[in-house]
Structures are given as C-alpha cells and as structure tokens.
PDB file of all heavy atoms in Angstrom:
ATOM      1  N   ARG A   1     -27.012 -24.609  -0.234  1.00  0.00           N
ATOM      2  CA  ARG A   1     -27.061 -23.148  -0.326  1.00  0.00           C
ATOM      3  C   ARG A   1     -28.268 -22.571   0.401  1.00  0.00           C
ATOM      4  O   ARG A   1     -28.380 -21.365   0.566  1.00  0.00           O
ATOM      5  CB  ARG A   1     -27.062 -22.723  -1.787  1.00  0.00           C
ATOM      6  CG  ARG A   1     -25.746 -23.070  -2.465  1.00  0.00           C
ATOM      7  CD  ARG A   1     -25.747 -22.804  -3.933  1.00  0.00           C
ATOM      8  NE  ARG A   1     -26.091 -21.417  -4.220  1.00  0.00           N
ATOM      9  CZ  ARG A   1     -26.304 -20.940  -5.418  1.00  0.00           C
ATOM     10  NH1 ARG A   1     -26.217 -21.727  -6.470  1.00  0.00           N
ATOM     11  NH2 ARG A   1     -26.609 -19.683  -5.603  1.00  0.00           N
ATOM     12  N   ASP A   2     -29.183 -23.418   0.846  1.00  0.00           N
ATOM     13  CA  ASP A   2     -30.372 -22.971   1.557  1.00  0.00           C
ATOM     14  C   ASP A   2     -29.963 -22.316   2.882  1.00  0.00           C
ATOM     15  O   ASP A   2     -29.084 -22.834   3.585  1.00  0.00           O
ATOM     16  CB  ASP A   2     -31.289 -24.170   1.829  1.00  0.00           C
ATOM     17  CG  ASP A   2     -32.582 -23.758   2.486  1.00  0.00           C
ATOM     18  OD1 ASP A   2     -33.504 -23.365   1.764  1.00  0.00           O
ATOM     19  OD2 ASP A   2     -32.656 -23.821   3.737  1.00  0.00           O
ATOM     20  N   PRO A   3     -30.583 -21.201   3.253  1.00  0.00           N
ATOM     21  CA  PRO A   3     -30.227 -20.537   4.517  1.00  0.00           C
ATOM     22  C   PRO A   3     -30.410 -21.426   5.754  1.00  0.00           C
ATOM     23  O   PRO A   3     -29.770 -21.198   6.778  1.00  0.00           O
ATOM     24  CB  PRO A   3     -31.173 -19.330   4.577  1.00  0.00           C
ATOM     25  CG  PRO A   3     -31.647 -19.121   3.186  1.00  0.00           C
ATOM     26  CD  PRO A   3     -31.578 -20.454   2.493  1.00  0.00           C
ATOM     27  N   GLY A   4     -31.248 -22.442   5.669  1.00  0.00           N
ATOM     28  CA  GLY A   4     -31.483 -23.327   6.810  1.00  0.00           C
ATOM     29  C   GLY A   4     -30.615 -24.570   6.820  1.00  0.00           C
ATOM     30  O   GLY A   4     -30.813 -25.459   7.658  1.00  0.00           O
ATOM     31  N   SER A   5     -29.628 -24.656   5.932  1.00  0.00           N
ATOM     32  CA  SER A   5     -28.859 -25.896   5.828  1.00  0.00           C
ATOM     33  C   SER A   5     -28.054 -26.208   7.087  1.00  0.00           C
ATOM     34  O   SER A   5     -27.937 -27.374   7.458  1.00  0.00           O
ATOM     35  CB  SER A   5     -27.950 -25.887   4.596  1.00  0.00           C
ATOM     36  OG  SER A   5     -26.928 -24.932   4.733  1.00  0.00           O
ATOM     37  N   THR A   6     -27.522 -25.212   7.752  1.00  0.00           N
ATOM     38  CA  THR A   6     -26.760 -25.484   8.982  1.00  0.00           C
ATOM     39  C   THR A   6     -27.685 -26.001  10.071  1.00  0.00           C
ATOM     40  O   THR A   6     -27.338 -26.941  10.792  1.00  0.00           O
ATOM     41  CB  THR A   6     -26.005 -24.223   9.448  1.00  0.00           C
ATOM     42  OG1 THR A   6     -25.075 -23.840   8.419  1.00  0.00           O
ATOM     43  CG2 THR A   6     -25.247 -24.469  10.735  1.00  0.00           C
ATOM     44  N   ARG A   7     -28.868 -25.423  10.185  1.00  0.00           N
ATOM     45  CA  ARG A   7     -29.831 -25.920  11.184  1.00  0.00           C
ATOM     46  C   ARG A   7     -30.222 -27.364  10.859  1.00  0.00           C
ATOM     47  O   ARG A   7     -30.338 -28.200  11.753  1.00  0.00           O
ATOM     48  CB  ARG A   7     -31.057 -25.007  11.246  1.00  0.00           C
ATOM     49  CG  ARG A   7     -30.752 -23.672  11.907  1.00  0.00           C
ATOM     50  CD  ARG A   7     -31.999 -22.826  12.120  1.00  0.00           C
ATOM     51  NE  ARG A   7     -32.679 -22.466  10.891  1.00  0.00           N
ATOM     52  CZ  ARG A   7     -32.354 -21.453  10.099  1.00  0.00           C
ATOM     53  NH1 ARG A   7     -31.339 -20.674  10.410  1.00  0.00           N
ATOM     54  NH2 ARG A   7     -33.046 -21.205   9.007  1.00  0.00           N
ATOM     55  N   PHE A   8     -30.413 -27.664   9.559  1.00  0.00           N
ATOM     56  CA  PHE A   8     -30.734 -29.046   9.195  1.00  0.00           C
ATOM     57  C   PHE A   8     -29.583 -29.973   9.546  1.00  0.00           C
ATOM     58  O   PHE A   8     -29.802 -31.087  10.032  1.00  0.00           O
ATOM     59  CB  PHE A   8     -31.087 -29.176   7.705  1.00  0.00           C
ATOM     60  CG  PHE A   8     -31.450 -30.591   7.357  1.00  0.00           C
ATOM     61  CD1 PHE A   8     -32.715 -31.080   7.621  1.00  0.00           C
ATOM     62  CD2 PHE A   8     -30.510 -31.458   6.824  1.00  0.00           C
ATOM     63  CE1 PHE A   8     -33.051 -32.407   7.354  1.00  0.00           C
ATOM     64  CE2 PHE A   8     -30.825 -32.779   6.551  1.00  0.00           C
ATOM     65  CZ  PHE A   8     -32.106 -33.248   6.812  1.00  0.00           C
ATOM     66  N   ASP A   9     -28.351 -29.543   9.326  1.00  0.00           N
ATOM     67  CA  ASP A   9     -27.201 -30.381   9.647  1.00  0.00           C
ATOM     68  C   ASP A   9     -27.151 -30.699  11.146  1.00  0.00           C
ATOM     69  O   ASP A   9     -26.815 -31.817  11.538  1.00  0.00           O
ATOM     70  CB  ASP A   9     -25.901 -29.712   9.203  1.00  0.00           C
ATOM     71  CG  ASP A   9     -25.764 -29.661   7.688  1.00  0.00           C
ATOM     72  OD1 ASP A   9     -26.464 -30.416   6.983  1.00  0.00           O
ATOM     73  OD2 ASP A   9     -24.951 -28.846   7.203  1.00  0.00           O
ATOM     74  N   VAL A  10     -27.488 -29.729  11.973  1.00  0.00           N
ATOM     75  CA  VAL A  10     -27.522 -29.975  13.423  1.00  0.00           C
ATOM     76  C   VAL A  10     -28.675 -30.920  13.757  1.00  0.00           C
ATOM     77  O   VAL A  10     -28.512 -31.851  14.560  1.00  0.00           O
ATOM     78  CB  VAL A  10     -27.589 -28.661  14.216  1.00  0.00           C
ATOM     79  CG1 VAL A  10     -27.798 -28.921  15.710  1.00  0.00           C
ATOM     80  CG2 VAL A  10     -26.304 -27.847  14.000  1.00  0.00           C
ATOM     81  N   ALA A  11     -29.829 -30.714  13.126  1.00  0.00           N
ATOM     82  CA  ALA A  11     -30.958 -31.631  13.352  1.00  0.00           C
ATOM     83  C   ALA A  11     -30.573 -33.052  12.946  1.00  0.00           C
ATOM     84  O   ALA A  11     -30.865 -34.019  13.666  1.00  0.00           O
ATOM     85  CB  ALA A  11     -32.187 -31.157  12.573  1.00  0.00           C
ATOM     86  N   ASN A  12     -29.900 -33.187  11.814  1.00  0.00           N
ATOM     87  CA  ASN A  12     -29.437 -34.504  11.396  1.00  0.00           C
ATOM     88  C   ASN A  12     -28.486 -35.093  12.428  1.00  0.00           C
ATOM     89  O   ASN A  12     -28.510 -36.298  12.684  1.00  0.00           O
ATOM     90  CB  ASN A  12     -28.759 -34.444  10.033  1.00  0.00           C
ATOM     91  CG  ASN A  12     -28.238 -35.806   9.639  1.00  0.00           C
ATOM     92  OD1 ASN A  12     -29.012 -36.718   9.373  1.00  0.00           O
ATOM     93  ND2 ASN A  12     -26.927 -35.963   9.660  1.00  0.00           N
ATOM     94  N   GLY A  13     -27.647 -34.255  13.020  1.00  0.00           N
ATOM     95  CA  GLY A  13     -26.744 -34.734  14.063  1.00  0.00           C
ATOM     96  C   GLY A  13     -27.490 -35.353  15.227  1.00  0.00           C
ATOM     97  O   GLY A  13     -27.094 -36.389  15.760  1.00  0.00           O
ATOM     98  N   VAL A  14     -28.591 -34.735  15.610  1.00  0.00           N
ATOM     99  CA  VAL A  14     -29.408 -35.256  16.718  1.00  0.00           C
ATOM    100  C   VAL A  14     -30.003 -36.611  16.335  1.00  0.00           C
ATOM    101  O   VAL A  14     -29.990 -37.555  17.127  1.00  0.00           O
ATOM    102  CB  VAL A  14     -30.528 -34.257  17.090  1.00  0.00           C
ATOM    103  CG1 VAL A  14     -31.537 -34.884  18.049  1.00  0.00           C
ATOM    104  CG2 VAL A  14     -29.933 -32.979  17.687  1.00  0.00           C
ATOM    105  N   LEU A  15     -30.504 -36.725  15.129  1.00  0.00           N
ATOM    106  CA  LEU A  15     -31.181 -37.951  14.706  1.00  0.00           C
ATOM    107  C   LEU A  15     -30.221 -39.084  14.386  1.00  0.00           C
ATOM    108  O   LEU A  15     -30.434 -40.220  14.827  1.00  0.00           O
ATOM    109  CB  LEU A  15     -32.067 -37.671  13.486  1.00  0.00           C
ATOM    110  CG  LEU A  15     -32.853 -38.856  12.947  1.00  0.00           C
ATOM    111  CD1 LEU A  15     -33.837 -39.393  13.984  1.00  0.00           C
ATOM    112  CD2 LEU A  15     -33.584 -38.454  11.671  1.00  0.00           C
ATOM    113  N   GLY A  16     -29.165 -38.795  13.627  1.00  0.00           N
ATOM    114  CA  GLY A  16     -28.317 -39.904  13.204  1.00  0.00           C
ATOM    115  C   GLY A  16     -26.902 -39.548  12.810  1.00  0.00           C
ATOM    116  O   GLY A  16     -26.180 -40.401  12.304  1.00  0.00           O
ATOM    117  N   GLY A  17     -26.488 -38.330  13.021  1.00  0.00           N
ATOM    118  CA  GLY A  17     -25.186 -37.886  12.538  1.00  0.00           C
ATOM    119  C   GLY A  17     -24.020 -38.140  13.461  1.00  0.00           C
ATOM    120  O   GLY A  17     -22.908 -37.700  13.170  1.00  0.00           O
ATOM    121  N   ASP A  18     -24.247 -38.833  14.544  1.00  0.00           N
ATOM    122  CA  ASP A  18     -23.193 -39.079  15.525  1.00  0.00           C
ATOM    123  C   ASP A  18     -23.444 -40.431  16.201  1.00  0.00           C
ATOM    124  O   ASP A  18     -24.573 -40.927  16.208  1.00  0.00           O
ATOM    125  CB  ASP A  18     -23.211 -37.938  16.560  1.00  0.00           C
ATOM    126  CG  ASP A  18     -22.196 -38.128  17.657  1.00  0.00           C
ATOM    127  OD1 ASP A  18     -20.991 -38.168  17.342  1.00  0.00           O
ATOM    128  OD2 ASP A  18     -22.584 -38.245  18.831  1.00  0.00           O
ATOM    129  N   PHE A  19     -22.397 -40.992  16.782  1.00  0.00           N
ATOM    130  CA  PHE A  19     -22.548 -42.285  17.459  1.00  0.00           C
ATOM    131  C   PHE A  19     -23.643 -42.242  18.525  1.00  0.00           C
ATOM    132  O   PHE A  19     -24.391 -43.199  18.706  1.00  0.00           O
ATOM    133  CB  PHE A  19     -21.218 -42.725  18.087  1.00  0.00           C
ATOM    134  CG  PHE A  19     -21.302 -44.065  18.760  1.00  0.00           C
ATOM    135  CD1 PHE A  19     -21.122 -45.226  18.021  1.00  0.00           C
ATOM    136  CD2 PHE A  19     -21.595 -44.180  20.107  1.00  0.00           C
ATOM    137  CE1 PHE A  19     -21.223 -46.477  18.629  1.00  0.00           C
ATOM    138  CE2 PHE A  19     -21.694 -45.414  20.722  1.00  0.00           C
ATOM    139  CZ  PHE A  19     -21.502 -46.571  19.980  1.00  0.00           C
ATOM    140  N   THR A  20     -23.726 -41.139  19.259  1.00  0.00           N
ATOM    141  CA  THR A  20     -24.709 -41.037  20.343  1.00  0.00           C
ATOM    142  C   THR A  20     -26.052 -40.484  19.883  1.00  0.00           C
ATOM    143  O   THR A  20     -26.895 -40.142  20.710  1.00  0.00           O
ATOM    144  CB  THR A  20     -24.149 -40.179  21.500  1.00  0.00           C
ATOM    145  OG1 THR A  20     -23.811 -38.891  20.979  1.00  0.00           O
ATOM    146  CG2 THR A  20     -22.942 -40.818  22.128  1.00  0.00           C
ATOM    147  N   ALA A  21     -26.275 -40.402  18.570  1.00  0.00           N
ATOM    148  CA  ALA A  21     -27.544 -39.916  18.032  1.00  0.00           C
ATOM    149  C   ALA A  21     -28.651 -40.958  18.229  1.00  0.00           C
ATOM    150  O   ALA A  21     -28.391 -42.133  18.515  1.00  0.00           O
ATOM    151  CB  ALA A  21     -27.381 -39.574  16.557  1.00  0.00           C
ATOM    152  N   ARG A  22     -29.850 -40.528  18.061  1.00  0.00           N
ATOM    153  CA  ARG A  22     -31.026 -41.341  18.368  1.00  0.00           C
ATOM    154  C   ARG A  22     -31.084 -42.685  17.640  1.00  0.00           C
ATOM    155  O   ARG A  22     -31.393 -43.715  18.251  1.00  0.00           O
ATOM    156  CB  ARG A  22     -32.301 -40.552  18.068  1.00  0.00           C
ATOM    157  CG  ARG A  22     -32.489 -39.375  18.999  1.00  0.00           C
ATOM    158  CD  ARG A  22     -33.725 -38.600  18.655  1.00  0.00           C
ATOM    159  NE  ARG A  22     -33.874 -37.461  19.550  1.00  0.00           N
ATOM    160  CZ  ARG A  22     -34.963 -36.715  19.600  1.00  0.00           C
ATOM    161  NH1 ARG A  22     -35.996 -36.990  18.810  1.00  0.00           N
ATOM    162  NH2 ARG A  22     -35.015 -35.687  20.425  1.00  0.00           N
ATOM    163  N   LEU A  23     -30.827 -42.688  16.337  1.00  0.00           N
ATOM    164  CA  LEU A  23     -30.935 -43.950  15.595  1.00  0.00           C
ATOM    165  C   LEU A  23     -29.964 -44.996  16.121  1.00  0.00           C
ATOM    166  O   LEU A  23     -30.333 -46.157  16.318  1.00  0.00           O
ATOM    167  CB  LEU A  23     -30.691 -43.714  14.095  1.00  0.00           C
ATOM    168  CG  LEU A  23     -31.788 -42.977  13.338  1.00  0.00           C
ATOM    169  CD1 LEU A  23     -31.322 -42.617  11.935  1.00  0.00           C
ATOM    170  CD2 LEU A  23     -33.073 -43.797  13.294  1.00  0.00           C
ATOM    171  N   ASN A  24     -28.726 -44.609  16.348  1.00  0.00           N
ATOM    172  CA  ASN A  24     -27.725 -45.557  16.825  1.00  0.00           C
ATOM    173  C   ASN A  24     -28.008 -45.988  18.261  1.00  0.00           C
ATOM    174  O   ASN A  24     -27.848 -47.159  18.604  1.00  0.00           O
ATOM    175  CB  ASN A  24     -26.317 -44.974  16.708  1.00  0.00           C
ATOM    176  CG  ASN A  24     -25.263 -46.039  16.785  1.00  0.00           C
ATOM    177  OD1 ASN A  24     -25.273 -46.993  16.019  1.00  0.00           O
ATOM    178  ND2 ASN A  24     -24.336 -45.881  17.716  1.00  0.00           N
ATOM    179  N   MET A  25     -28.421 -45.053  19.091  1.00  0.00           N
ATOM    180  CA  MET A  25     -28.724 -45.412  20.478  1.00  0.00           C
ATOM    181  C   MET A  25     -29.873 -46.415  20.540  1.00  0.00           C
ATOM    182  O   MET A  25     -29.849 -47.337  21.348  1.00  0.00           O
ATOM    183  CB  MET A  25     -29.075 -44.164  21.297  1.00  0.00           C
ATOM    184  CG  MET A  25     -27.893 -43.249  21.574  1.00  0.00           C
ATOM    185  SD  MET A  25     -26.661 -43.965  22.696  1.00  0.00           S
ATOM    186  CE  MET A  25     -25.447 -44.578  21.558  1.00  0.00           C
ATOM    187  N   ASN A  26     -30.843 -46.263  19.675  1.00  0.00           N
ATOM    188  CA  ASN A  26     -31.980 -47.173  19.653  1.00  0.00           C
ATOM    189  C   ASN A  26     -31.577 -48.546  19.108  1.00  0.00           C
ATOM    190  O   ASN A  26     -31.679 -49.561  19.805  1.00  0.00           O
ATOM    191  CB  ASN A  26     -33.109 -46.568  18.821  1.00  0.00           C
ATOM    192  CG  ASN A  26     -34.351 -47.432  18.770  1.00  0.00           C
ATOM    193  OD1 ASN A  26     -34.323 -48.640  18.979  1.00  0.00           O
ATOM    194  ND2 ASN A  26     -35.476 -46.820  18.465  1.00  0.00           N
ATOM    195  N   LEU A  27     -31.107 -48.574  17.852  1.00  0.00           N
ATOM    196  CA  LEU A  27     -30.885 -49.863  17.186  1.00  0.00           C
ATOM    197  C   LEU A  27     -29.640 -50.596  17.666  1.00  0.00           C
ATOM    198  O   LEU A  27     -29.625 -51.824  17.689  1.00  0.00           O
ATOM    199  CB  LEU A  27     -30.823 -49.661  15.677  1.00  0.00           C
ATOM    200  CG  LEU A  27     -32.120 -49.162  15.039  1.00  0.00           C
ATOM    201  CD1 LEU A  27     -31.921 -48.919  13.560  1.00  0.00           C
ATOM    202  CD2 LEU A  27     -33.258 -50.130  15.281  1.00  0.00           C
ATOM    203  N   ARG A  28     -28.599 -49.892  18.046  1.00  0.00           N
ATOM    204  CA  ARG A  28     -27.369 -50.546  18.488  1.00  0.00           C
ATOM    205  C   ARG A  28     -27.324 -50.708  20.006  1.00  0.00           C
ATOM    206  O   ARG A  28     -27.180 -51.802  20.525  1.00  0.00           O
ATOM    207  CB  ARG A  28     -26.144 -49.759  18.022  1.00  0.00           C
ATOM    208  CG  ARG A  28     -24.840 -50.350  18.537  1.00  0.00           C
ATOM    209  CD  ARG A  28     -23.645 -49.445  18.263  1.00  0.00           C
ATOM    210  NE  ARG A  28     -22.505 -49.845  19.046  1.00  0.00           N
ATOM    211  CZ  ARG A  28     -21.439 -50.454  18.552  1.00  0.00           C
ATOM    212  NH1 ARG A  28     -21.369 -50.742  17.267  1.00  0.00           N
ATOM    213  NH2 ARG A  28     -20.433 -50.777  19.342  1.00  0.00           N
ATOM    214  N   GLU A  29     -27.440 -49.601  20.701  1.00  0.00           N
ATOM    215  CA  GLU A  29     -27.197 -49.622  22.138  1.00  0.00           C
ATOM    216  C   GLU A  29     -28.357 -50.188  22.949  1.00  0.00           C
ATOM    217  O   GLU A  29     -28.126 -50.878  23.931  1.00  0.00           O
ATOM    218  CB  GLU A  29     -26.836 -48.214  22.620  1.00  0.00           C
ATOM    219  CG  GLU A  29     -25.550 -47.676  21.991  1.00  0.00           C
ATOM    220  CD  GLU A  29     -24.335 -48.539  22.297  1.00  0.00           C
ATOM    221  OE1 GLU A  29     -24.054 -48.786  23.480  1.00  0.00           O
ATOM    222  OE2 GLU A  29     -23.668 -48.973  21.329  1.00  0.00           O
TER     223      GLU A  29
END
C-alpha cells in the first residue's frame, strides 16, 4: 500500500526480478 511500491517493484526487477536481472546475470551467466 506504500506509494513507492511500484517503484520498488521496478527496482527489484533490475536487481533480481527477471532472467536478465543483475543477480542472475552475475551468478548464472
């Protein structure tokens, strides 16, 4: 319900919320 939750969700996408996100690119790829 926080007004910044959508921005956090996008930030999470950059870090680890998608196959091409930073965590997966580092540890897997």
